[in-house]
Every structure is written in structure tokens, then in C-alpha cells.
Amino acid sequence: VQLVESGGDSVQSGGSLKLTCDASGFDFRNSAMKWARQAQGGRTEWLANINPDGAPYYTHVIEGRAVISRDNAKNRVTLQLNNLKVEDTAVYYCRTSIGQRDYWGQGTQVTVSP
């Protein structure tokens, strides 16, 4: 199982970013995918997940400012982040669960300046 995130960058407050997670090594089209983040020294925050049928779910942390989507042909899940705030600065990870095990990517850094 491999999850590779990309798209993180340094942006100003109010800006947007599109994060991408490329997946391989498992049955992607039948797997739910999640995005989470961890600020330096902080706890992990769940942001959004998308079911195999494409149904999205957002937590209050990011609801209204993000769109999660998936492309089963490319084994890819994306997270569009809008109206970014300084407090959104964190490493963003994608995750999936197979059986009893969770798999994470290496993360991509998002830095938002005032």
C-alpha cells in the first residue's frame, strides 16, 4: 500500500490549494479515503472522507471551505482547500483502512501566512 500526497505550498490567508493523494497497492475504488492534518506539536484533526461511491463527509474543522473528490480511474483523491487561514497551517495526510490496519502517506506541508 502506498499513499503519496502532493500539492502543499505556502500561501497567504484567503488563498486556495488543491492537495492530491495518489494511491497504489490496494483496491482503491472500493476503499473509503480520508484526509487529516497535524499542526506542529498538535493533535491529528480529521477533515473529510469520501466513500467508494463518492459520497463526501466533512468535519466541522473544514466544512464549507473544502471539497473532497476522487478519481477511481487514476487511483487519486483530492482535497480542494479554499479561504485558507493561518490556523490551517499543518501537514496534511491522506489515509485509508484495510482490514484492521490504517495506512498513511508521508504528508504534504501547507503553510498559510497572514
Protein backbone atom coordinates (compact mmCIF):
# COMPACT_ATOMS: atom_id res chain seq x y z
CA VAL A 1 0.00 0.00 0.00
CA GLN A 2 1.35 3.37 -0.94
CA LEU A 3 -0.20 6.81 -0.48
CA VAL A 4 1.65 9.83 -1.84
CA GLU A 5 0.40 13.32 -1.08
CA SER A 6 1.36 16.41 -3.02
CA GLY A 7 0.19 19.95 -3.61
CA GLY A 8 1.15 21.54 -0.32
CA ASP A 9 2.61 25.02 -0.53
CA SER A 10 3.00 28.36 1.20
CA VAL A 11 0.06 30.69 0.56
CA GLN A 12 -1.39 33.84 2.00
CA SER A 13 -4.52 33.91 4.09
CA GLY A 14 -7.58 33.66 1.89
CA GLY A 15 -5.79 31.62 -0.73
CA SER A 16 -6.57 28.17 -2.09
CA LEU A 17 -4.70 24.93 -2.61
CA LYS A 18 -5.50 21.59 -4.19
CA LEU A 19 -3.98 18.62 -2.43
CA THR A 20 -3.61 15.30 -4.21
CA CYS A 21 -3.15 11.78 -2.92
CA ASP A 22 -2.06 9.11 -5.38
CA ALA A 23 -2.77 5.60 -4.17
CA SER A 24 -1.47 2.20 -5.18
CA GLY A 25 -1.22 -1.35 -3.93
CA PHE A 26 -4.82 -1.89 -2.85
CA ASP A 27 -8.37 -1.92 -4.16
CA PHE A 28 -8.76 1.85 -4.35
CA ARG A 29 -12.18 2.01 -6.00
CA ASN A 30 -13.72 0.01 -3.15
CA SER A 31 -11.94 1.85 -0.35
CA ALA A 32 -13.00 4.88 1.65
CA MET A 33 -10.35 7.59 1.72
CA LYS A 34 -9.75 10.25 4.34
CA TRP A 35 -7.82 13.48 4.76
CA ALA A 36 -6.43 14.58 8.10
CA ARG A 37 -3.90 17.12 9.27
CA GLN A 38 -1.50 17.68 12.10
CA ALA A 39 -0.13 21.04 13.11
CA GLN A 40 3.33 21.13 14.64
CA GLY A 41 3.03 19.89 18.20
CA GLY A 42 -0.71 19.46 17.80
CA ARG A 43 -3.12 16.59 17.63
CA THR A 44 -4.40 14.96 14.47
CA GLU A 45 -7.57 16.55 13.10
CA TRP A 46 -9.86 14.65 10.77
CA LEU A 47 -11.02 16.81 7.89
CA ALA A 48 -13.00 14.83 5.37
CA ASN A 49 -13.61 11.41 3.93
CA ILE A 50 -15.08 10.08 0.74
CA ASN A 51 -16.81 6.74 0.35
CA PRO A 52 -16.24 4.38 -2.58
CA ASP A 53 -19.45 5.67 -4.15
CA GLY A 54 -18.14 9.23 -3.97
CA ALA A 55 -20.28 10.40 -1.08
CA PRO A 56 -18.33 13.03 0.88
CA TYR A 57 -18.30 13.85 4.56
CA TYR A 58 -16.71 16.89 6.18
CA THR A 59 -15.93 17.60 9.80
CA HIS A 60 -16.64 20.97 11.35
CA VAL A 61 -12.94 21.74 11.14
CA ILE A 62 -13.05 22.31 7.39
CA GLU A 63 -16.72 22.18 6.37
CA GLY A 64 -17.63 24.93 3.93
CA ARG A 65 -14.03 25.57 2.93
CA ALA A 66 -13.06 22.26 1.33
CA VAL A 67 -14.16 19.85 -1.35
CA ILE A 68 -13.05 16.22 -1.39
CA SER A 69 -13.25 14.22 -4.60
CA ARG A 70 -11.91 11.02 -6.09
CA ASP A 71 -10.94 9.72 -9.50
CA ASN A 72 -11.11 5.94 -9.46
CA ALA A 73 -9.58 5.70 -12.93
CA LYS A 74 -6.44 7.43 -11.62
CA ASN A 75 -6.50 6.00 -8.08
CA ARG A 76 -6.48 9.56 -6.81
CA VAL A 77 -8.24 11.52 -4.12
CA THR A 78 -8.05 15.28 -3.91
CA LEU A 79 -8.83 17.90 -1.32
CA GLN A 80 -9.54 21.41 -2.56
CA LEU A 81 -8.93 23.92 0.22
CA ASN A 82 -10.41 27.41 -0.04
CA ASN A 83 -10.28 30.55 2.05
CA LEU A 84 -7.26 29.27 3.91
CA LYS A 85 -6.49 30.67 7.35
CA VAL A 86 -3.28 30.89 9.34
CA GLU A 87 -4.61 28.16 11.64
CA ASP A 88 -4.82 25.80 8.66
CA THR A 89 -1.02 25.57 8.70
CA ALA A 90 -0.23 21.87 9.14
CA VAL A 91 0.97 18.71 7.46
CA TYR A 92 -1.91 17.18 5.54
CA TYR A 93 -2.22 13.41 5.19
CA CYS A 94 -4.41 11.01 3.31
CA ARG A 95 -5.37 7.74 4.91
CA THR A 96 -7.14 4.50 4.20
CA SER A 97 -8.01 1.45 6.25
CA ILE A 98 -7.63 -2.10 5.04
CA GLY A 99 -8.90 -4.70 7.45
CA GLN A 100 -7.66 -3.73 10.89
CA ARG A 101 -4.78 -1.63 9.66
CA ASP A 102 -4.54 2.07 8.84
CA TYR A 103 -2.25 3.37 6.15
CA TRP A 104 -0.98 6.94 5.90
CA GLY A 105 1.02 8.86 3.37
CA GLN A 106 4.09 10.90 4.21
CA GLY A 107 2.10 14.12 4.22
CA THR A 108 2.33 17.43 2.44
CA GLN A 109 3.02 20.74 4.20
CA VAL A 110 0.55 23.60 3.96
CA THR A 111 1.73 26.93 5.35
CA VAL A 112 -0.62 29.91 5.48
CA SER A 113 0.75 33.37 6.22
CA PRO A 114 -1.24 36.42 7.33
